[in-house]
N, C-alpha and C. Protein backbone atom coordinates (compact mmCIF):
# COMPACT_ATOMS: atom_id res chain seq x y z
N UNK A 1 -64.02 135.59 157.59
CA UNK A 1 -63.60 135.05 156.31
C UNK A 1 -62.23 134.41 156.48
N UNK A 2 -62.13 133.14 156.15
CA UNK A 2 -60.86 132.45 156.30
C UNK A 2 -60.00 132.65 155.05
N UNK A 3 -58.72 132.59 155.26
CA UNK A 3 -57.78 132.75 154.16
C UNK A 3 -57.79 131.49 153.31
N UNK A 4 -57.61 131.66 152.00
CA UNK A 4 -57.54 130.53 151.08
C UNK A 4 -56.28 129.73 151.38
N UNK A 5 -56.43 128.43 151.51
CA UNK A 5 -55.31 127.57 151.83
C UNK A 5 -55.36 126.38 150.89
N UNK A 6 -54.39 126.28 149.99
CA UNK A 6 -54.44 125.26 148.94
C UNK A 6 -54.33 123.84 149.46
N UNK A 7 -53.79 123.63 150.65
CA UNK A 7 -53.64 122.27 151.16
C UNK A 7 -54.93 121.73 151.77
N UNK A 8 -55.95 122.53 151.88
CA UNK A 8 -57.27 122.06 152.33
C UNK A 8 -58.10 121.50 151.19
N UNK A 9 -57.64 121.68 149.98
CA UNK A 9 -58.37 121.20 148.80
C UNK A 9 -58.27 119.68 148.70
N UNK A 10 -59.17 119.06 147.96
CA UNK A 10 -59.06 117.62 147.71
C UNK A 10 -57.76 117.31 146.97
N UNK A 11 -57.26 116.09 147.10
CA UNK A 11 -55.97 115.75 146.47
C UNK A 11 -55.94 115.98 144.96
N UNK A 12 -57.03 115.70 144.26
CA UNK A 12 -57.02 115.88 142.80
C UNK A 12 -56.92 117.37 142.44
N UNK A 13 -57.54 118.25 143.23
CA UNK A 13 -57.47 119.69 142.95
C UNK A 13 -56.08 120.23 143.27
N UNK A 14 -55.48 119.75 144.35
CA UNK A 14 -54.11 120.16 144.69
C UNK A 14 -53.15 119.76 143.59
N UNK A 15 -53.31 118.54 143.08
CA UNK A 15 -52.42 118.05 142.02
C UNK A 15 -52.57 118.91 140.76
N UNK A 16 -53.79 119.28 140.42
CA UNK A 16 -54.02 120.15 139.26
C UNK A 16 -53.34 121.50 139.44
N UNK A 17 -53.45 122.07 140.62
CA UNK A 17 -52.82 123.37 140.88
C UNK A 17 -51.30 123.26 140.78
N UNK A 18 -50.71 122.19 141.32
CA UNK A 18 -49.26 122.02 141.26
C UNK A 18 -48.79 121.83 139.82
N UNK A 19 -49.54 121.09 139.01
CA UNK A 19 -49.17 120.88 137.61
C UNK A 19 -49.25 122.20 136.85
N UNK A 20 -50.32 122.94 137.04
CA UNK A 20 -50.47 124.24 136.36
C UNK A 20 -49.35 125.18 136.77
N UNK A 21 -49.00 125.16 138.06
CA UNK A 21 -47.93 126.03 138.56
C UNK A 21 -46.60 125.73 137.89
N UNK A 22 -46.30 124.46 137.63
CA UNK A 22 -45.03 124.08 137.00
C UNK A 22 -45.03 124.32 135.48
N UNK A 23 -46.19 124.28 134.86
CA UNK A 23 -46.27 124.37 133.40
C UNK A 23 -46.40 125.82 132.91
N UNK A 24 -46.86 126.71 133.76
CA UNK A 24 -47.18 128.07 133.31
C UNK A 24 -45.92 128.85 132.88
N UNK A 25 -44.78 128.63 133.49
CA UNK A 25 -43.57 129.39 133.14
C UNK A 25 -43.09 129.08 131.72
N UNK A 26 -42.90 127.81 131.33
CA UNK A 26 -42.47 127.57 129.94
C UNK A 26 -43.48 128.05 128.90
N UNK A 27 -44.76 127.87 129.18
CA UNK A 27 -45.79 128.34 128.23
C UNK A 27 -45.76 129.86 128.14
N UNK A 28 -45.55 130.54 129.28
CA UNK A 28 -45.50 132.00 129.28
C UNK A 28 -44.30 132.49 128.47
N UNK A 29 -43.15 131.86 128.62
CA UNK A 29 -41.96 132.28 127.86
C UNK A 29 -42.19 132.09 126.37
N UNK A 30 -42.75 130.93 125.98
CA UNK A 30 -43.04 130.69 124.57
C UNK A 30 -44.02 131.74 124.04
N UNK A 31 -45.05 132.04 124.80
CA UNK A 31 -46.07 132.99 124.36
C UNK A 31 -45.50 134.40 124.24
N UNK A 32 -44.62 134.79 125.17
CA UNK A 32 -44.02 136.12 125.08
C UNK A 32 -43.12 136.25 123.86
N UNK A 33 -42.35 135.19 123.55
CA UNK A 33 -41.52 135.21 122.34
C UNK A 33 -42.40 135.29 121.10
N UNK A 34 -43.45 134.49 121.07
CA UNK A 34 -44.37 134.51 119.92
C UNK A 34 -45.03 135.88 119.77
N UNK A 35 -45.39 136.51 120.89
CA UNK A 35 -46.02 137.83 120.84
C UNK A 35 -45.04 138.89 120.33
N UNK A 36 -43.77 138.75 120.67
CA UNK A 36 -42.79 139.71 120.16
C UNK A 36 -42.55 139.55 118.66
N UNK A 37 -42.61 138.30 118.16
CA UNK A 37 -42.34 138.06 116.75
C UNK A 37 -43.55 138.34 115.85
N UNK A 38 -44.72 137.83 116.25
CA UNK A 38 -45.95 137.99 115.44
C UNK A 38 -47.09 138.43 116.33
N UNK A 39 -47.12 139.69 116.71
CA UNK A 39 -48.16 140.14 117.64
C UNK A 39 -49.55 140.21 117.00
N UNK A 40 -50.49 139.57 117.66
CA UNK A 40 -51.90 139.71 117.30
C UNK A 40 -52.64 140.06 118.59
N UNK A 41 -53.86 140.46 118.46
CA UNK A 41 -54.65 140.84 119.64
C UNK A 41 -54.80 139.65 120.59
N UNK A 42 -55.08 138.48 120.04
CA UNK A 42 -55.24 137.29 120.88
C UNK A 42 -53.95 136.95 121.61
N UNK A 43 -52.81 137.07 120.92
CA UNK A 43 -51.52 136.78 121.56
C UNK A 43 -51.23 137.73 122.71
N UNK A 44 -51.55 138.99 122.54
CA UNK A 44 -51.31 139.98 123.60
C UNK A 44 -52.17 139.67 124.82
N UNK A 45 -53.45 139.35 124.60
CA UNK A 45 -54.33 139.01 125.72
C UNK A 45 -53.89 137.73 126.41
N UNK A 46 -53.50 136.73 125.63
CA UNK A 46 -53.05 135.46 126.19
C UNK A 46 -51.75 135.64 126.98
N UNK A 47 -50.83 136.43 126.46
CA UNK A 47 -49.58 136.69 127.17
C UNK A 47 -49.87 137.44 128.48
N UNK A 48 -50.77 138.40 128.45
CA UNK A 48 -51.13 139.12 129.68
C UNK A 48 -51.76 138.21 130.71
N UNK A 49 -52.63 137.30 130.26
CA UNK A 49 -53.27 136.36 131.19
C UNK A 49 -52.24 135.42 131.80
N UNK A 50 -51.30 134.94 130.99
CA UNK A 50 -50.26 134.04 131.51
C UNK A 50 -49.33 134.75 132.49
N UNK A 51 -48.98 135.99 132.20
CA UNK A 51 -48.15 136.76 133.13
C UNK A 51 -48.90 136.98 134.44
N UNK A 52 -50.18 137.31 134.36
CA UNK A 52 -50.98 137.48 135.57
C UNK A 52 -51.09 136.20 136.38
N UNK A 53 -51.27 135.07 135.70
CA UNK A 53 -51.33 133.78 136.38
C UNK A 53 -50.00 133.45 137.03
N UNK A 54 -48.89 133.72 136.34
CA UNK A 54 -47.56 133.48 136.91
C UNK A 54 -47.33 134.33 138.15
N UNK A 55 -47.71 135.59 138.10
CA UNK A 55 -47.55 136.47 139.26
C UNK A 55 -48.42 136.00 140.42
N UNK A 56 -49.63 135.54 140.13
CA UNK A 56 -50.51 135.03 141.19
C UNK A 56 -49.90 133.81 141.87
N UNK A 57 -49.29 132.91 141.10
CA UNK A 57 -48.63 131.76 141.71
C UNK A 57 -47.38 132.18 142.47
N UNK A 58 -46.62 133.12 141.92
CA UNK A 58 -45.38 133.57 142.56
C UNK A 58 -45.66 134.23 143.90
N UNK A 59 -46.71 135.05 143.96
CA UNK A 59 -47.05 135.73 145.20
C UNK A 59 -47.95 134.88 146.11
N UNK A 60 -48.20 133.64 145.68
CA UNK A 60 -49.00 132.67 146.43
C UNK A 60 -50.42 133.16 146.69
N UNK A 61 -51.01 133.82 145.69
CA UNK A 61 -52.41 134.19 145.77
C UNK A 61 -53.28 133.00 145.43
N UNK A 62 -52.71 132.06 144.67
CA UNK A 62 -53.43 130.84 144.30
C UNK A 62 -52.73 129.68 144.96
């Protein structure tokens, strides 16, 4: 089983991953502030998913 390597992807897929990687931090911060002010079940799940996605990018799992 070979390790996942993002630079082997087609150029359009690499570009999508790089854009998502740059956009996830501001969206995560906004969502965490919104969750602290007006918590709903959907906001909590969305904030958890964004934090998980940010950690995956930070640790280079994606």
